[in-house]
PDB file of N, CA and C in Angstrom:
ATOM      1  N   GLY A   1      27.560 104.286 140.173  1.00  0.00           N
ATOM      2  CA  GLY A   1      27.612 102.887 139.977  1.00  0.00           C
ATOM      3  C   GLY A   1      27.884 102.036 140.768  1.00  0.00           C
ATOM      4  N   LYS A   2      28.221 102.598 142.337  1.00  0.00           N
ATOM      5  CA  LYS A   2      28.651 101.872 143.158  1.00  0.00           C
ATOM      6  C   LYS A   2      27.477 101.830 144.398  1.00  0.00           C
ATOM      7  N   GLY A   3      27.280 100.566 144.771  1.00  0.00           N
ATOM      8  CA  GLY A   3      26.099 100.478 145.732  1.00  0.00           C
ATOM      9  C   GLY A   3      26.578 100.351 147.028  1.00  0.00           C
ATOM     10  N   LYS A   4      25.711 100.922 148.128  1.00  0.00           N
ATOM     11  CA  LYS A   4      26.072 101.023 149.591  1.00  0.00           C
ATOM     12  C   LYS A   4      26.098  99.508 150.218  1.00  0.00           C
ATOM     13  N   VAL A   5      27.115  99.403 151.083  1.00  0.00           N
ATOM     14  CA  VAL A   5      27.304  98.253 151.759  1.00  0.00           C
ATOM     15  C   VAL A   5      27.006  98.427 152.983  1.00  0.00           C
ATOM     16  N   GLY A   6      26.112  97.417 153.677  1.00  0.00           N
ATOM     17  CA  GLY A   6      25.533  97.664 155.067  1.00  0.00           C
ATOM     18  C   GLY A   6      26.728  96.918 155.864  1.00  0.00           C
ATOM     19  N   LYS A   7      26.247  96.680 157.201  1.00  0.00           N
ATOM     20  CA  LYS A   7      27.171  96.142 158.249  1.00  0.00           C
ATOM     21  C   LYS A   7      27.403  94.643 158.010  1.00  0.00           C
ATOM     22  N   GLN A   8      28.637  93.975 158.485  1.00  0.00           N
ATOM     23  CA  GLN A   8      28.298  92.612 158.354  1.00  0.00           C
ATOM     24  C   GLN A   8      27.787  91.972 159.401  1.00  0.00           C
ATOM     25  N   THR A   9      26.792  90.707 159.172  1.00  0.00           N
ATOM     26  CA  THR A   9      26.320  89.993 159.976  1.00  0.00           C
ATOM     27  C   THR A   9      26.520  88.545 159.870  1.00  0.00           C
ATOM     28  N   PHE A  10      26.185  87.680 160.783  1.00  0.00           N
ATOM     29  CA  PHE A  10      26.469  86.198 160.745  1.00  0.00           C
ATOM     30  C   PHE A  10      24.756  85.448 160.833  1.00  0.00           C
ATOM     31  N   LEU A  11      25.058  84.274 160.306  1.00  0.00           N
ATOM     32  CA  LEU A  11      24.043  83.491 160.191  1.00  0.00           C
ATOM     33  C   LEU A  11      23.555  82.971 161.816  1.00  0.00           C
ATOM     34  N   GLU A  12      22.243  83.101 162.155  1.00  0.00           N
ATOM     35  CA  GLU A  12      21.813  83.176 163.510  1.00  0.00           C
ATOM     36  C   GLU A  12      21.447  81.854 164.139  1.00  0.00           C
ATOM     37  N   GLY A  13      20.852  80.878 163.020  1.00  0.00           N
ATOM     38  CA  GLY A  13      20.460  79.362 163.556  1.00  0.00           C
ATOM     39  C   GLY A  13      19.783  78.787 162.388  1.00  0.00           C
ATOM     40  N   LEU A  14      19.198  77.521 162.522  1.00  0.00           N
ATOM     41  CA  LEU A  14      18.415  76.866 161.574  1.00  0.00           C
ATOM     42  C   LEU A  14      16.810  77.477 161.917  1.00  0.00           C
ATOM     43  N   VAL A  15      16.064  77.373 160.660  1.00  0.00           N
ATOM     44  CA  VAL A  15      14.578  77.615 160.856  1.00  0.00           C
ATOM     45  C   VAL A  15      13.855  76.314 161.024  1.00  0.00           C
ATOM     46  N   ALA A  16      13.088  76.413 162.295  1.00  0.00           N
ATOM     47  CA  ALA A  16      12.604  74.916 162.454  1.00  0.00           C
ATOM     48  C   ALA A  16      11.957  74.086 161.510  1.00  0.00           C
ATOM     49  N   SER A  17      11.143  74.885 160.545  1.00  0.00           N
ATOM     50  CA  SER A  17      10.519  74.154 159.455  1.00  0.00           C
ATOM     51  C   SER A  17       9.978  75.107 158.535  1.00  0.00           C
ATOM     52  N   LEU A  18      10.160  74.596 157.213  1.00  0.00           N
ATOM     53  CA  LEU A  18       9.651  75.558 156.061  1.00  0.00           C
ATOM     54  C   LEU A  18       9.029  74.629 155.280  1.00  0.00           C
ATOM     55  N   PRO A  19       8.109  74.863 154.720  1.00  0.00           N
ATOM     56  CA  PRO A  19       7.184  73.977 154.004  1.00  0.00           C
ATOM     57  C   PRO A  19       8.044  73.459 152.354  1.00  0.00           C
ATOM     58  N   THR A  20       8.711  74.606 151.963  1.00  0.00           N
ATOM     59  CA  THR A  20       9.468  74.469 150.580  1.00  0.00           C
ATOM     60  C   THR A  20      10.591  73.598 150.743  1.00  0.00           C
ATOM     61  N   LEU A  21      11.249  73.378 151.944  1.00  0.00           N
ATOM     62  CA  LEU A  21      12.365  72.433 151.929  1.00  0.00           C
ATOM     63  C   LEU A  21      12.207  71.058 151.578  1.00  0.00           C
ATOM     64  N   ARG A  22      13.217  70.439 150.706  1.00  0.00           N
ATOM     65  CA  ARG A  22      13.169  69.306 150.304  1.00  0.00           C
ATOM     66  C   ARG A  22      14.367  68.542 151.539  1.00  0.00           C
ATOM     67  N   ALA A  23      14.195  66.981 151.171  1.00  0.00           N
ATOM     68  CA  ALA A  23      15.190  66.214 151.748  1.00  0.00           C
ATOM     69  C   ALA A  23      16.746  66.480 151.745  1.00  0.00           C
ATOM     70  N   GLY A  24      17.092  66.761 152.881  1.00  0.00           N
ATOM     71  CA  GLY A  24      18.585  67.320 152.719  1.00  0.00           C
ATOM     72  C   GLY A  24      18.894  68.712 152.698  1.00  0.00           C
ATOM     73  N   GLU A  25      17.779  69.520 152.610  1.00  0.00           N
ATOM     74  CA  GLU A  25      18.125  70.975 152.719  1.00  0.00           C
ATOM     75  C   GLU A  25      17.901  71.661 154.007  1.00  0.00           C
ATOM     76  N   SER A  26      18.463  72.659 154.290  1.00  0.00           N
ATOM     77  CA  SER A  26      18.204  73.324 155.582  1.00  0.00           C
ATOM     78  C   SER A  26      18.024  75.054 155.217  1.00  0.00           C
ATOM     79  N   ALA A  27      17.228  75.582 156.376  1.00  0.00           N
ATOM     80  CA  ALA A  27      16.955  77.049 156.242  1.00  0.00           C
ATOM     81  C   ALA A  27      17.775  77.389 157.237  1.00  0.00           C
ATOM     82  N   LEU A  28      18.203  78.829 157.073  1.00  0.00           N
ATOM     83  CA  LEU A  28      19.019  79.522 158.194  1.00  0.00           C
ATOM     84  C   LEU A  28      18.362  81.004 158.243  1.00  0.00           C
ATOM     85  N   ASP A  29      18.269  81.556 159.474  1.00  0.00           N
ATOM     86  CA  ASP A  29      17.784  82.688 159.789  1.00  0.00           C
ATOM     87  C   ASP A  29      19.071  83.789 159.951  1.00  0.00           C
ATOM     88  N   ILE A  30      18.649  84.852 159.326  1.00  0.00           N
ATOM     89  CA  ILE A  30      19.782  86.094 159.467  1.00  0.00           C
ATOM     90  C   ILE A  30      19.054  87.254 159.542  1.00  0.00           C
ATOM     91  N   HIS A  31      19.610  88.129 160.367  1.00  0.00           N
ATOM     92  CA  HIS A  31      19.122  89.568 160.451  1.00  0.00           C
ATOM     93  C   HIS A  31      19.985  90.505 160.284  1.00  0.00           C
ATOM     94  N   PHE A  32      19.948  91.532 159.673  1.00  0.00           N
ATOM     95  CA  PHE A  32      20.629  92.738 159.397  1.00  0.00           C
ATOM     96  C   PHE A  32      19.979  94.173 159.800  1.00  0.00           C
ATOM     97  N   GLU A  33      20.846  95.222 159.873  1.00  0.00           N
ATOM     98  CA  GLU A  33      20.400  96.297 159.998  1.00  0.00           C
ATOM     99  C   GLU A  33      20.346  97.038 158.534  1.00  0.00           C
ATOM    100  N   TRP A  34      19.465  97.758 158.347  1.00  0.00           N
ATOM    101  CA  TRP A  34      19.051  98.276 157.075  1.00  0.00           C
ATOM    102  C   TRP A  34      18.508  99.848 157.219  1.00  0.00           C
ATOM    103  N   ASP A  35      18.958 100.587 156.469  1.00  0.00           N
ATOM    104  CA  ASP A  35      18.749 101.978 156.379  1.00  0.00           C
ATOM    105  C   ASP A  35      18.084 102.394 155.550  1.00  0.00           C
ATOM    106  N   SER A  36      16.700 102.982 155.278  1.00  0.00           N
ATOM    107  CA  SER A  36      16.015 103.455 154.122  1.00  0.00           C
ATOM    108  C   SER A  36      16.962 104.270 153.132  1.00  0.00           C
ATOM    109  N   ASP A  37      17.890 104.808 153.650  1.00  0.00           N
ATOM    110  CA  ASP A  37      18.776 105.578 152.534  1.00  0.00           C
ATOM    111  C   ASP A  37      19.775 104.644 151.918  1.00  0.00           C
ATOM    112  N   MET A  38      19.526 103.425 152.204  1.00  0.00           N
ATOM    113  CA  MET A  38      20.743 102.412 151.494  1.00  0.00           C
ATOM    114  C   MET A  38      19.826 102.079 150.040  1.00  0.00           C
ATOM    115  N   GLY A  39      18.476 102.509 150.152  1.00  0.00           N
ATOM    116  CA  GLY A  39      17.725 102.019 148.916  1.00  0.00           C
ATOM    117  C   GLY A  39      17.349 100.469 149.356  1.00  0.00           C
ATOM    118  N   ILE A  40      16.651  99.895 148.042  1.00  0.00           N
ATOM    119  CA  ILE A  40      16.271  98.619 148.008  1.00  0.00           C
ATOM    120  C   ILE A  40      17.534  97.572 147.877  1.00  0.00           C
ATOM    121  N   PRO A  41      17.639  96.627 148.391  1.00  0.00           N
ATOM    122  CA  PRO A  41      18.932  95.720 148.288  1.00  0.00           C
ATOM    123  C   PRO A  41      18.761  95.039 146.978  1.00  0.00           C
ATOM    124  N   GLY A  42      19.806  95.033 146.129  1.00  0.00           N
ATOM    125  CA  GLY A  42      19.553  94.489 144.951  1.00  0.00           C
ATOM    126  C   GLY A  42      21.063  93.340 144.672  1.00  0.00           C
ATOM    127  N   ALA A  43      21.772  93.261 145.827  1.00  0.00           N
ATOM    128  CA  ALA A  43      22.799  92.319 145.787  1.00  0.00           C
ATOM    129  C   ALA A  43      23.285  92.054 147.280  1.00  0.00           C
ATOM    130  N   PHE A  44      23.846  90.822 147.553  1.00  0.00           N
ATOM    131  CA  PHE A  44      24.493  90.644 148.749  1.00  0.00           C
ATOM    132  C   PHE A  44      25.772  90.008 148.794  1.00  0.00           C
ATOM    133  N   TYR A  45      26.612  90.252 149.488  1.00  0.00           N
ATOM    134  CA  TYR A  45      27.887  89.503 149.639  1.00  0.00           C
ATOM    135  C   TYR A  45      27.936  88.408 150.639  1.00  0.00           C
ATOM    136  N   ILE A  46      28.511  87.437 150.030  1.00  0.00           N
ATOM    137  CA  ILE A  46      28.480  86.395 151.078  1.00  0.00           C
ATOM    138  C   ILE A  46      29.870  85.536 151.387  1.00  0.00           C
ATOM    139  N   GLU A  47      30.333  85.525 152.623  1.00  0.00           N
ATOM    140  CA  GLU A  47      31.892  84.671 152.973  1.00  0.00           C
ATOM    141  C   GLU A  47      31.488  83.204 153.741  1.00  0.00           C
ATOM    142  N   ASN A  48      31.968  82.502 153.466  1.00  0.00           N
ATOM    143  CA  ASN A  48      31.905  81.219 154.229  1.00  0.00           C
ATOM    144  C   ASN A  48      32.971  81.059 154.965  1.00  0.00           C
ATOM    145  N   PHE A  49      33.097  80.914 156.285  1.00  0.00           N
ATOM    146  CA  PHE A  49      33.908  80.839 157.252  1.00  0.00           C
ATOM    147  C   PHE A  49      34.002  79.556 157.645  1.00  0.00           C
ATOM    148  N   MET A  50      33.094  78.440 157.356  1.00  0.00           N
ATOM    149  CA  MET A  50      33.071  77.348 157.671  1.00  0.00           C
ATOM    150  C   MET A  50      34.067  76.314 156.959  1.00  0.00           C
ATOM    151  N   GLN A  51      34.632  75.299 157.386  1.00  0.00           N
ATOM    152  CA  GLN A  51      35.697  74.414 156.640  1.00  0.00           C
ATOM    153  C   GLN A  51      35.084  73.795 155.529  1.00  0.00           C
ATOM    154  N   VAL A  52      33.894  73.608 155.633  1.00  0.00           N
ATOM    155  CA  VAL A  52      33.323  72.907 154.376  1.00  0.00           C
ATOM    156  C   VAL A  52      32.508  73.940 153.681  1.00  0.00           C
ATOM    157  N   GLU A  53      32.433  73.468 152.348  1.00  0.00           N
ATOM    158  CA  GLU A  53      31.566  74.353 151.304  1.00  0.00           C
ATOM    159  C   GLU A  53      30.247  73.936 151.583  1.00  0.00           C
ATOM    160  N   PHE A  54      29.299  74.578 151.104  1.00  0.00           N
ATOM    161  CA  PHE A  54      27.778  74.359 150.846  1.00  0.00           C
ATOM    162  C   PHE A  54      27.248  75.127 149.868  1.00  0.00           C
ATOM    163  N   PHE A  55      25.959  74.420 149.457  1.00  0.00           N
ATOM    164  CA  PHE A  55      25.393  74.782 148.201  1.00  0.00           C
ATOM    165  C   PHE A  55      24.423  75.763 148.727  1.00  0.00           C
ATOM    166  N   LEU A  56      24.364  77.297 148.006  1.00  0.00           N
ATOM    167  CA  LEU A  56      23.475  78.114 148.418  1.00  0.00           C
ATOM    168  C   LEU A  56      22.011  78.008 147.221  1.00  0.00           C
ATOM    169  N   VAL A  57      21.203  77.767 147.447  1.00  0.00           N
ATOM    170  CA  VAL A  57      19.946  77.687 146.528  1.00  0.00           C
ATOM    171  C   VAL A  57      19.618  79.333 146.495  1.00  0.00           C
ATOM    172  N   SER A  58      19.068  79.806 147.425  1.00  0.00           N
ATOM    173  CA  SER A  58      18.415  81.334 147.386  1.00  0.00           C
ATOM    174  C   SER A  58      18.699  81.922 148.763  1.00  0.00           C
ATOM    175  N   LEU A  59      18.372  83.056 148.495  1.00  0.00           N
ATOM    176  CA  LEU A  59      18.123  84.049 149.841  1.00  0.00           C
ATOM    177  C   LEU A  59      17.013  84.856 149.480  1.00  0.00           C
ATOM    178  N   THR A  60      16.043  85.033 150.518  1.00  0.00           N
ATOM    179  CA  THR A  60      14.775  85.695 150.602  1.00  0.00           C
ATOM    180  C   THR A  60      14.825  86.576 151.526  1.00  0.00           C
ATOM    181  N   LEU A  61      14.635  87.902 151.058  1.00  0.00           N
ATOM    182  CA  LEU A  61      14.656  89.095 152.409  1.00  0.00           C
ATOM    183  C   LEU A  61      13.152  89.346 152.548  1.00  0.00           C
ATOM    184  N   GLU A  62      12.561  89.144 153.617  1.00  0.00           N
ATOM    185  CA  GLU A  62      10.991  89.632 153.741  1.00  0.00           C
ATOM    186  C   GLU A  62      11.096  90.779 154.457  1.00  0.00           C
ATOM    187  N   ASP A  63       9.737  91.245 154.475  1.00  0.00           N
ATOM    188  CA  ASP A  63       9.293  92.651 155.048  1.00  0.00           C
ATOM    189  C   ASP A  63      10.417  93.723 154.425  1.00  0.00           C
ATOM    190  N   VAL A  64      10.809  94.020 153.527  1.00  0.00           N
ATOM    191  CA  VAL A  64      11.611  94.814 153.290  1.00  0.00           C
ATOM    192  C   VAL A  64      10.538  96.390 152.971  1.00  0.00           C
ATOM    193  N   PRO A  65      10.889  97.167 153.815  1.00  0.00           N
ATOM    194  CA  PRO A  65       9.840  98.446 153.582  1.00  0.00           C
ATOM    195  C   PRO A  65       9.704  99.054 152.451  1.00  0.00           C
ATOM    196  N   ASN A  66       8.339  99.280 152.096  1.00  0.00           N
ATOM    197  CA  ASN A  66       7.749  99.665 150.925  1.00  0.00           C
ATOM    198  C   ASN A  66       8.308  98.982 149.573  1.00  0.00           C
ATOM    199  N   HIS A  67       8.504  97.679 149.896  1.00  0.00           N
ATOM    200  CA  HIS A  67       8.829  96.692 148.785  1.00  0.00           C
ATOM    201  C   HIS A  67       8.249  95.388 148.985  1.00  0.00           C
ATOM    202  N   GLY A  68       8.260  94.729 150.185  1.00  0.00           N
ATOM    203  CA  GLY A  68       7.853  93.327 150.493  1.00  0.00           C
ATOM    204  C   GLY A  68       8.746  92.465 150.471  1.00  0.00           C
ATOM    205  N   THR A  69       8.994  91.430 149.609  1.00  0.00           N
ATOM    206  CA  THR A  69       9.840  90.377 149.397  1.00  0.00           C
ATOM    207  C   THR A  69      11.065  90.664 148.259  1.00  0.00           C
ATOM    208  N   ILE A  70      12.117  90.456 148.585  1.00  0.00           N
ATOM    209  CA  ILE A  70      13.273  90.486 147.267  1.00  0.00           C
ATOM    210  C   ILE A  70      13.684  88.862 147.698  1.00  0.00           C
ATOM    211  N   HIS A  71      14.013  88.218 146.347  1.00  0.00           N
ATOM    212  CA  HIS A  71      14.095  86.920 146.227  1.00  0.00           C
ATOM    213  C   HIS A  71      15.422  86.935 145.217  1.00  0.00           C
ATOM    214  N   PHE A  72      16.672  85.931 145.838  1.00  0.00           N
ATOM    215  CA  PHE A  72      17.852  86.117 145.317  1.00  0.00           C
ATOM    216  C   PHE A  72      18.063  84.503 144.820  1.00  0.00           C
ATOM    217  N   VAL A  73      17.990  84.325 143.473  1.00  0.00           N
ATOM    218  CA  VAL A  73      18.331  82.795 143.189  1.00  0.00           C
ATOM    219  C   VAL A  73      19.709  82.559 143.032  1.00  0.00           C
ATOM    220  N   CYS A  74      20.482  81.875 143.575  1.00  0.00           N
ATOM    221  CA  CYS A  74      21.908  81.487 143.686  1.00  0.00           C
ATOM    222  C   CYS A  74      22.235  80.367 143.193  1.00  0.00           C
ATOM    223  N   ASN A  75      21.922  79.029 143.376  1.00  0.00           N
ATOM    224  CA  ASN A  75      21.981  77.761 143.171  1.00  0.00           C
ATOM    225  C   ASN A  75      23.699  77.672 142.356  1.00  0.00           C
ATOM    226  N   SER A  76      24.428  77.836 143.599  1.00  0.00           N
ATOM    227  CA  SER A  76      25.807  77.868 143.447  1.00  0.00           C
ATOM    228  C   SER A  76      26.629  77.524 144.990  1.00  0.00           C
ATOM    229  N   TRP A  77      27.724  76.761 144.570  1.00  0.00           N
ATOM    230  CA  TRP A  77      28.393  76.058 145.741  1.00  0.00           C
ATOM    231  C   TRP A  77      29.411  77.520 146.351  1.00  0.00           C
ATOM    232  N   VAL A  78      29.520  77.436 147.592  1.00  0.00           N
ATOM    233  CA  VAL A  78      30.144  78.617 148.418  1.00  0.00           C
ATOM    234  C   VAL A  78      31.079  78.040 149.108  1.00  0.00           C
ATOM    235  N   TYR A  79      32.355  78.163 148.642  1.00  0.00           N
ATOM    236  CA  TYR A  79      33.601  77.665 149.344  1.00  0.00           C
ATOM    237  C   TYR A  79      34.253  78.486 150.481  1.00  0.00           C
ATOM    238  N   ASN A  80      35.064  77.814 151.440  1.00  0.00           N
ATOM    239  CA  ASN A  80      35.798  78.692 152.389  1.00  0.00           C
ATOM    240  C   ASN A  80      36.207  80.017 151.966  1.00  0.00           C
ATOM    241  N   ALA A  81      35.868  80.900 152.775  1.00  0.00           N
ATOM    242  CA  ALA A  81      36.390  82.566 151.946  1.00  0.00           C
ATOM    243  C   ALA A  81      38.094  82.497 151.695  1.00  0.00           C
ATOM    244  N   LYS A  82      38.648  81.719 152.402  1.00  0.00           N
ATOM    245  CA  LYS A  82      40.145  81.343 151.860  1.00  0.00           C
ATOM    246  C   LYS A  82      40.255  81.109 150.357  1.00  0.00           C
ATOM    247  N   SER A  83      39.361  80.435 149.825  1.00  0.00           N
ATOM    248  CA  SER A  83      39.396  80.267 148.497  1.00  0.00           C
ATOM    249  C   SER A  83      39.316  80.998 147.532  1.00  0.00           C
ATOM    250  N   TYR A  84      38.703  82.409 147.710  1.00  0.00           N
ATOM    251  CA  TYR A  84      38.410  83.473 146.998  1.00  0.00           C
ATOM    252  C   TYR A  84      39.258  84.840 147.350  1.00  0.00           C
ATOM    253  N   LYS A  85      39.898  85.369 146.229  1.00  0.00           N
ATOM    254  CA  LYS A  85      40.451  86.643 146.309  1.00  0.00           C
ATOM    255  C   LYS A  85      39.582  87.816 146.537  1.00  0.00           C
ATOM    256  N   ARG A  86      37.833  87.539 146.597  1.00  0.00           N
ATOM    257  CA  ARG A  86      37.240  88.472 146.693  1.00  0.00           C
ATOM    258  C   ARG A  86      35.708  87.925 147.220  1.00  0.00           C
ATOM    259  N   ASP A  87      34.836  88.696 148.011  1.00  0.00           N
ATOM    260  CA  ASP A  87      33.865  88.061 148.392  1.00  0.00           C
ATOM    261  C   ASP A  87      32.885  87.531 147.138  1.00  0.00           C
ATOM    262  N   ARG A  88      32.175  86.500 147.412  1.00  0.00           N
ATOM    263  CA  ARG A  88      31.157  86.007 146.572  1.00  0.00           C
ATOM    264  C   ARG A  88      30.052  87.259 146.786  1.00  0.00           C
ATOM    265  N   ILE A  89      29.383  87.317 145.432  1.00  0.00           N
ATOM    266  CA  ILE A  89      28.263  88.364 145.514  1.00  0.00           C
ATOM    267  C   ILE A  89      27.074  87.863 144.487  1.00  0.00           C
ATOM    268  N   PHE A  90      25.816  87.944 144.948  1.00  0.00           N
ATOM    269  CA  PHE A  90      24.833  87.431 144.309  1.00  0.00           C
ATOM    270  C   PHE A  90      23.647  88.720 144.041  1.00  0.00           C
ATOM    271  N   PHE A  91      23.129  88.624 143.018  1.00  0.00           N
ATOM    272  CA  PHE A  91      22.213  89.947 142.503  1.00  0.00           C
ATOM    273  C   PHE A  91      20.630  89.358 142.640  1.00  0.00           C
ATOM    274  N   ALA A  92      19.811  90.262 142.785  1.00  0.00           N
ATOM    275  CA  ALA A  92      18.341  89.888 142.863  1.00  0.00           C
ATOM    276  C   ALA A  92      18.037  89.521 141.563  1.00  0.00           C
ATOM    277  N   ASN A  93      16.827  88.644 141.538  1.00  0.00           N
ATOM    278  CA  ASN A  93      16.506  88.327 140.256  1.00  0.00           C
ATOM    279  C   ASN A  93      15.594  89.213 139.485  1.00  0.00           C
ATOM    280  N   LYS A  94      14.930  90.239 140.351  1.00  0.00           N
ATOM    281  CA  LYS A  94      14.168  91.301 139.867  1.00  0.00           C
ATOM    282  C   LYS A  94      15.306  92.886 139.716  1.00  0.00           C
ATOM    283  N   VAL A  95      14.923  93.588 138.719  1.00  0.00           N
ATOM    284  CA  VAL A  95      15.554  94.825 138.498  1.00  0.00           C
ATOM    285  C   VAL A  95      14.620  95.887 139.322  1.00  0.00           C
ATOM    286  N   ASN A  96      15.365  96.472 140.129  1.00  0.00           N
ATOM    287  CA  ASN A  96      14.638  97.711 140.955  1.00  0.00           C
ATOM    288  C   ASN A  96      14.888  99.080 140.175  1.00  0.00           C
ATOM    289  N   ASP A  97      14.005  99.684 140.404  1.00  0.00           N
ATOM    290  CA  ASP A  97      13.805 101.069 139.594  1.00  0.00           C
ATOM    291  C   ASP A  97      14.492 102.165 140.828  1.00  0.00           C
TER     292      ASP A  97
END
């Protein structure tokens, strides 16, 4: 019942343009180390170390080996990590076998 957790990583920067962005939205890049022994990612933890909260619409993992794209629908405010006793967690919108 307990998944494998990868190494912590950090946001790398703004994506220059994305056709699906609406006014006031931003897209950010993130890269992380992934080992096939971990299986297909089904959830992710997030911590906000900024002073202000942000609204996380979604997270998309692209080019997941042997799977393609995994999309996480979040639609949730993420407040500073000091506001939570535990990390925030979001699950993929598709159950993996």
